C-alpha atoms as a PDB file:
ATOM      1  CA  MET A   1      11.455   8.172 -30.635  1.00  0.00           C
ATOM      2  CA  SER A   2      11.160   7.173 -27.081  1.00  0.00           C
ATOM      3  CA  GLU A   3       7.685   8.908 -25.218  1.00  0.00           C
ATOM      4  CA  ILE A   4       7.852   9.231 -21.477  1.00  0.00           C
ATOM      5  CA  LYS A   5       4.369   7.956 -20.302  1.00  0.00           C
ATOM      6  CA  LEU A   6       4.851   8.235 -16.605  1.00  0.00           C
ATOM      7  CA  VAL A   7       7.412  10.007 -13.906  1.00  0.00           C
ATOM      8  CA  ARG A   8       7.046   9.384 -10.854  1.00  0.00           C
ATOM      9  CA  ILE A   9       8.560   9.659  -7.242  1.00  0.00           C
ATOM     10  CA  ASP A  10       8.150   6.572  -5.179  1.00  0.00           C
ATOM     11  CA  PHE A  11      10.580   5.575  -2.491  1.00  0.00           C
ATOM     12  CA  ARG A  12      10.092   1.779  -3.489  1.00  0.00           C
ATOM     13  CA  LEU A  13      11.051   2.679  -6.773  1.00  0.00           C
ATOM     14  CA  MET A  14       9.631  -0.273  -8.684  1.00  0.00           C
ATOM     15  CA  HIS A  15       7.377  -2.532  -6.538  1.00  0.00           C
ATOM     16  CA  GLY A  16       3.728  -4.216  -7.348  1.00  0.00           C
ATOM     17  CA  GLN A  17       1.813  -1.252  -8.179  1.00  0.00           C
ATOM     18  CA  ILE A  18       3.919   0.117 -10.766  1.00  0.00           C
ATOM     19  CA  LEU A  19       4.552  -3.330 -12.206  1.00  0.00           C
ATOM     20  CA  THR A  20       0.648  -4.124 -11.793  1.00  0.00           C
ATOM     21  CA  ASN A  21      -0.904  -0.875 -12.492  1.00  0.00           C
ATOM     22  CA  TRP A  22       1.111   2.022 -13.433  1.00  0.00           C
ATOM     23  CA  LEU A  23       2.529  -0.015 -16.686  1.00  0.00           C
ATOM     24  CA  GLN A  24      -0.586  -0.897 -18.105  1.00  0.00           C
ATOM     25  CA  GLN A  25      -2.496   2.077 -17.018  1.00  0.00           C
ATOM     26  CA  VAL A  26      -0.001   4.096 -18.997  1.00  0.00           C
ATOM     27  CA  SER A  27       0.628   1.720 -22.342  1.00  0.00           C
ATOM     28  CA  ALA A  28       4.381   1.446 -20.825  1.00  0.00           C
ATOM     29  CA  ASP A  29       6.972  -0.755 -22.687  1.00  0.00           C
ATOM     30  CA  ALA A  30       9.837   0.077 -20.216  1.00  0.00           C
ATOM     31  CA  ILE A  31      11.302   1.363 -17.075  1.00  0.00           C
ATOM     32  CA  LEU A  32      13.938   3.903 -16.530  1.00  0.00           C
ATOM     33  CA  ILE A  33      14.971   3.855 -12.841  1.00  0.00           C
ATOM     34  CA  ALA A  34      16.874   6.843 -12.300  1.00  0.00           C
ATOM     35  CA  ASP A  35      19.042   6.931  -8.925  1.00  0.00           C
ATOM     36  CA  ASP A  36      22.825   7.012  -7.898  1.00  0.00           C
ATOM     37  CA  ASP A  37      22.727   4.607  -5.336  1.00  0.00           C
ATOM     38  CA  VAL A  38      20.450   1.616  -7.157  1.00  0.00           C
ATOM     39  CA  ALA A  39      23.471   2.586 -10.430  1.00  0.00           C
ATOM     40  CA  LYS A  40      26.344   2.188  -7.986  1.00  0.00           C
ATOM     41  CA  ASP A  41      24.836  -0.978  -6.348  1.00  0.00           C
ATOM     42  CA  GLN A  42      24.982  -4.004  -9.240  1.00  0.00           C
ATOM     43  CA  PHE A  43      23.283  -6.214  -6.337  1.00  0.00           C
ATOM     44  CA  LEU A  44      20.015  -4.135  -6.105  1.00  0.00           C
ATOM     45  CA  ALA A  45      20.265  -3.023  -9.742  1.00  0.00           C
ATOM     46  CA  GLN A  46      20.081  -7.183 -10.472  1.00  0.00           C
ATOM     47  CA  ILE A  47      17.104  -7.350  -8.435  1.00  0.00           C
ATOM     48  CA  TYR A  48      15.245  -4.897  -9.504  1.00  0.00           C
ATOM     49  CA  LEU A  49      16.565  -6.376 -13.506  1.00  0.00           C
ATOM     50  CA  MET A  50      14.955  -9.643 -12.435  1.00  0.00           C
ATOM     51  CA  ALA A  51      11.462  -8.283 -11.017  1.00  0.00           C
ATOM     52  CA  ALA A  52      10.842  -7.050 -14.454  1.00  0.00           C
ATOM     53  CA  PRO A  53       7.764  -8.253 -16.090  1.00  0.00           C
ATOM     54  CA  PRO A  54       8.292 -10.062 -19.450  1.00  0.00           C
ATOM     55  CA  GLY A  55       8.303  -8.022 -22.219  1.00  0.00           C
ATOM     56  CA  VAL A  56       9.277  -4.960 -19.896  1.00  0.00           C
ATOM     57  CA  LYS A  57      12.407  -3.557 -20.255  1.00  0.00           C
ATOM     58  CA  VAL A  58      14.300  -1.868 -17.031  1.00  0.00           C
ATOM     59  CA  GLY A  59      17.123   0.439 -16.900  1.00  0.00           C
ATOM     60  CA  ILE A  60      19.045   1.435 -14.322  1.00  0.00           C
ATOM     61  CA  ARG A  61      20.810   4.875 -14.844  1.00  0.00           C
ATOM     62  CA  THR A  62      22.657   7.416 -12.459  1.00  0.00           C
ATOM     63  CA  ILE A  63      20.750  10.606 -12.554  1.00  0.00           C
ATOM     64  CA  GLU A  64      23.071  12.853 -14.670  1.00  0.00           C
ATOM     65  CA  LYS A  65      23.055   9.619 -17.322  1.00  0.00           C
ATOM     66  CA  THR A  66      19.241   9.235 -17.282  1.00  0.00           C
ATOM     67  CA  VAL A  67      19.200  12.963 -17.939  1.00  0.00           C
ATOM     68  CA  GLN A  68      21.622  12.945 -20.374  1.00  0.00           C
ATOM     69  CA  GLY A  69      19.721   9.875 -22.098  1.00  0.00           C
ATOM     70  CA  ILE A  70      16.794  11.293 -22.735  1.00  0.00           C
ATOM     71  CA  GLN A  71      18.307  14.565 -24.060  1.00  0.00           C
ATOM     72  CA  ASN A  72      20.312  12.435 -26.361  1.00  0.00           C
ATOM     73  CA  ASN A  73      17.066  10.566 -27.773  1.00  0.00           C
ATOM     74  CA  VAL A  74      18.957   7.150 -26.451  1.00  0.00           C
ATOM     75  CA  PHE A  75      15.935   5.172 -25.102  1.00  0.00           C
ATOM     76  CA  LYS A  76      14.203   5.066 -28.688  1.00  0.00           C
ATOM     77  CA  ASN A  77      11.440   3.267 -29.695  1.00  0.00           C
ATOM     78  CA  LYS A  78      10.324   2.690 -25.577  1.00  0.00           C
ATOM     79  CA  ASN A  79       7.375   3.986 -24.090  1.00  0.00           C
ATOM     80  CA  LEU A  80       8.509   5.254 -20.620  1.00  0.00           C
ATOM     81  CA  ILE A  81       7.961   5.114 -16.705  1.00  0.00           C
ATOM     82  CA  ILE A  82      10.699   7.356 -15.219  1.00  0.00           C
ATOM     83  CA  LEU A  83      11.363   6.165 -11.831  1.00  0.00           C
ATOM     84  CA  PHE A  84      12.764   8.591  -8.761  1.00  0.00           C
ATOM     85  CA  LYS A  85      13.338   7.187  -5.241  1.00  0.00           C
ATOM     86  CA  SER A  86      13.202  10.586  -3.259  1.00  0.00           C
ATOM     87  CA  VAL A  87      12.020  14.501  -3.842  1.00  0.00           C
ATOM     88  CA  GLU A  88      15.752  15.491  -3.911  1.00  0.00           C
ATOM     89  CA  SER A  89      16.827  13.087  -6.812  1.00  0.00           C
ATOM     90  CA  MET A  90      14.153  14.625  -9.193  1.00  0.00           C
ATOM     91  CA  LYS A  91      15.210  18.564  -8.120  1.00  0.00           C
ATOM     92  CA  LYS A  92      18.541  17.088  -8.986  1.00  0.00           C
ATOM     93  CA  ALA A  93      17.098  16.383 -13.188  1.00  0.00           C
ATOM     94  CA  VAL A  94      15.365  19.416 -13.204  1.00  0.00           C
ATOM     95  CA  ASP A  95      18.382  21.529 -12.300  1.00  0.00           C
ATOM     96  CA  LEU A  96      20.291  18.960 -15.219  1.00  0.00           C
ATOM     97  CA  GLY A  97      17.931  20.216 -17.532  1.00  0.00           C
ATOM     98  CA  PHE A  98      15.043  17.657 -16.947  1.00  0.00           C
ATOM     99  CA  ARG A  99      11.597  19.284 -18.020  1.00  0.00           C
ATOM    100  CA  PRO A 100       8.506  16.556 -18.087  1.00  0.00           C
ATOM    101  CA  GLU A 101       5.401  17.819 -18.429  1.00  0.00           C
ATOM    102  CA  ILE A 102       3.978  16.307 -15.257  1.00  0.00           C
ATOM    103  CA  ILE A 103       5.273  14.808 -11.566  1.00  0.00           C
ATOM    104  CA  GLN A 104       3.651  12.070 -10.037  1.00  0.00           C
ATOM    105  CA  ILE A 105       4.293  11.365  -6.194  1.00  0.00           C
ATOM    106  CA  GLY A 106       3.859   7.678  -5.129  1.00  0.00           C
ATOM    107  CA  GLY A 107       4.908   7.703  -2.272  1.00  0.00           C
ATOM    108  CA  LEU A 108       7.718   9.111  -0.157  1.00  0.00           C
ATOM    109  CA  GLY A 109       7.695   7.318   3.100  1.00  0.00           C
ATOM    110  CA  SER A 110       7.029   8.450   6.568  1.00  0.00           C
ATOM    111  CA  GLY A 111       8.542   9.977   9.335  1.00  0.00           C
ATOM    112  CA  SER A 112       7.963  12.276  12.527  1.00  0.00           C
ATOM    113  CA  ASN A 113       8.578  15.093  10.131  1.00  0.00           C
ATOM    114  CA  LYS A 114       6.079  14.763   7.714  1.00  0.00           C
ATOM    115  CA  VAL A 115       2.948  15.344   7.342  1.00  0.00           C
ATOM    116  CA  LYS A 116      -0.265  12.722   6.114  1.00  0.00           C
ATOM    117  CA  ILE A 117      -1.724  14.090   2.951  1.00  0.00           C
ATOM    118  CA  TYR A 118      -3.759  10.842   1.833  1.00  0.00           C
ATOM    119  CA  ASN A 119      -3.678   7.494   3.531  1.00  0.00           C
ATOM    120  CA  ASP A 120      -0.165   6.895   3.079  1.00  0.00           C
ATOM    121  CA  MET A 121       0.907   9.900   1.141  1.00  0.00           C
ATOM    122  CA  ALA A 122       3.087  12.296   3.470  1.00  0.00           C
ATOM    123  CA  LEU A 123       5.332  15.416   3.016  1.00  0.00           C
ATOM    124  CA  SER A 124       8.264  16.909   4.925  1.00  0.00           C
ATOM    125  CA  GLN A 125       8.706  20.153   5.283  1.00  0.00           C
ATOM    126  CA  GLU A 126      11.974  20.254   2.956  1.00  0.00           C
ATOM    127  CA  GLU A 127       9.952  18.018   0.382  1.00  0.00           C
ATOM    128  CA  ALA A 128       6.877  20.640   0.209  1.00  0.00           C
ATOM    129  CA  ILE A 129       9.868  23.195  -0.972  1.00  0.00           C
ATOM    130  CA  LEU A 130      11.522  21.240  -2.840  1.00  0.00           C
ATOM    131  CA  LEU A 131       8.196  20.404  -4.717  1.00  0.00           C
ATOM    132  CA  LYS A 132       7.076  24.298  -5.082  1.00  0.00           C
ATOM    133  CA  GLN A 133      10.913  24.603  -6.685  1.00  0.00           C
ATOM    134  CA  ILE A 134      10.214  22.261  -9.043  1.00  0.00           C
ATOM    135  CA  SER A 135       6.741  23.321 -10.148  1.00  0.00           C
ATOM    136  CA  GLU A 136       8.101  26.885 -10.362  1.00  0.00           C
ATOM    137  CA  LYS A 137      10.207  25.514 -13.814  1.00  0.00           C
ATOM    138  CA  GLY A 138       6.679  24.992 -15.236  1.00  0.00           C
ATOM    139  CA  ILE A 139       6.293  21.321 -14.367  1.00  0.00           C
ATOM    140  CA  LYS A 140       2.531  20.259 -13.157  1.00  0.00           C
ATOM    141  CA  VAL A 141       3.148  18.495  -9.875  1.00  0.00           C
ATOM    142  CA  ILE A 142       0.423  15.915  -8.455  1.00  0.00           C
ATOM    143  CA  LEU A 143       0.043  13.324  -6.106  1.00  0.00           C
ATOM    144  CA  GLN A 144      -1.402  10.030  -6.540  1.00  0.00           C
ATOM    145  CA  ALA A 145      -0.506   6.018  -5.117  1.00  0.00           C
ATOM    146  CA  THR A 146      -2.879   4.348  -7.339  1.00  0.00           C
ATOM    147  CA  PRO A 147      -4.666   4.659 -10.513  1.00  0.00           C
ATOM    148  CA  LYS A 148      -7.614   3.989  -8.390  1.00  0.00           C
ATOM    149  CA  ASP A 149      -6.739   7.416  -6.226  1.00  0.00           C
ATOM    150  CA  PRO A 150      -8.369  10.528  -6.449  1.00  0.00           C
ATOM    151  CA  VAL A 151      -5.102  12.706  -7.856  1.00  0.00           C
ATOM    152  CA  ILE A 152      -4.271  16.009  -5.290  1.00  0.00           C
ATOM    153  CA  THR A 153      -2.384  18.588  -6.709  1.00  0.00           C
ATOM    154  CA  LEU A 154       0.509  20.158  -5.246  1.00  0.00           C
ATOM    155  CA  THR A 155      -1.389  22.965  -4.183  1.00  0.00           C
ATOM    156  CA  GLU A 156      -3.583  21.374  -1.960  1.00  0.00           C
ATOM    157  CA  ALA A 157      -1.338  18.735  -0.495  1.00  0.00           C
ATOM    158  CA  LEU A 158       1.344  22.108   0.119  1.00  0.00           C
ATOM    159  CA  GLN A 159      -2.007  23.907   1.763  1.00  0.00           C
ATOM    160  CA  GLU A 160      -2.009  20.480   4.071  1.00  0.00           C
ATOM    161  CA  VAL A 161       1.640  20.376   4.760  1.00  0.00           C
ATOM    162  CA  GLU A 162       1.167  23.921   5.979  1.00  0.00           C
ATOM    163  CA  LYS A 163      -2.339  23.591   8.293  1.00  0.00           C
ATOM    164  CA  GLN A 164      -0.512  20.680  10.180  1.00  0.00           C
ATOM    165  CA  MET A 165       2.583  22.410  10.515  1.00  0.00           C
ATOM    166  CA  SER A 166       1.117  26.099  11.798  1.00  0.00           C
ATOM    167  CA  GLN A 167      -0.582  23.413  14.517  1.00  0.00           C
ATOM    168  CA  LYS A 168       2.338  21.647  15.695  1.00  0.00           C
ATOM    169  CA  GLY A 169       3.993  25.038  16.154  1.00  0.00           C
ATOM    170  CA  GLY A 170       6.701  24.771  13.426  1.00  0.00           C
ATOM    171  CA  LYS A 171       6.439  27.488  10.152  1.00  0.00           C
END
């Protein structure tokens, strides 16, 4: 039986923090990248597959195939980290029936439409709305870039988004 050790949204997908910190932190031996674009791009997929550390299996599937695989327990005897590139991708998985206990936000990139929550972590108002919808399904959402960083609750993040958006004059 597979065990999901970490479900993370990170726009960089598989990068140094995942390979050096989170794999060890959660005792995972496999990474599943759930992303429609990467699953369709053989060149990019090959880059991620080659970046896997020794002894760590990496799989790349569309969001729909990821959800089906989890529901059908096709990832036998693996301790998985499942990576999504965006809040929108995670929302799609949740809408398809994916129900992890906890979703960790690692990084969503920056932009003029985003509010800084902590260090390099930022949320747009649209992402905040989607995360709230996900949490309303009974899924805990936290923000944490590295194991050394503090855990920020979704409530705290949403309050910060609302505060900064009202200061900018947006709502």
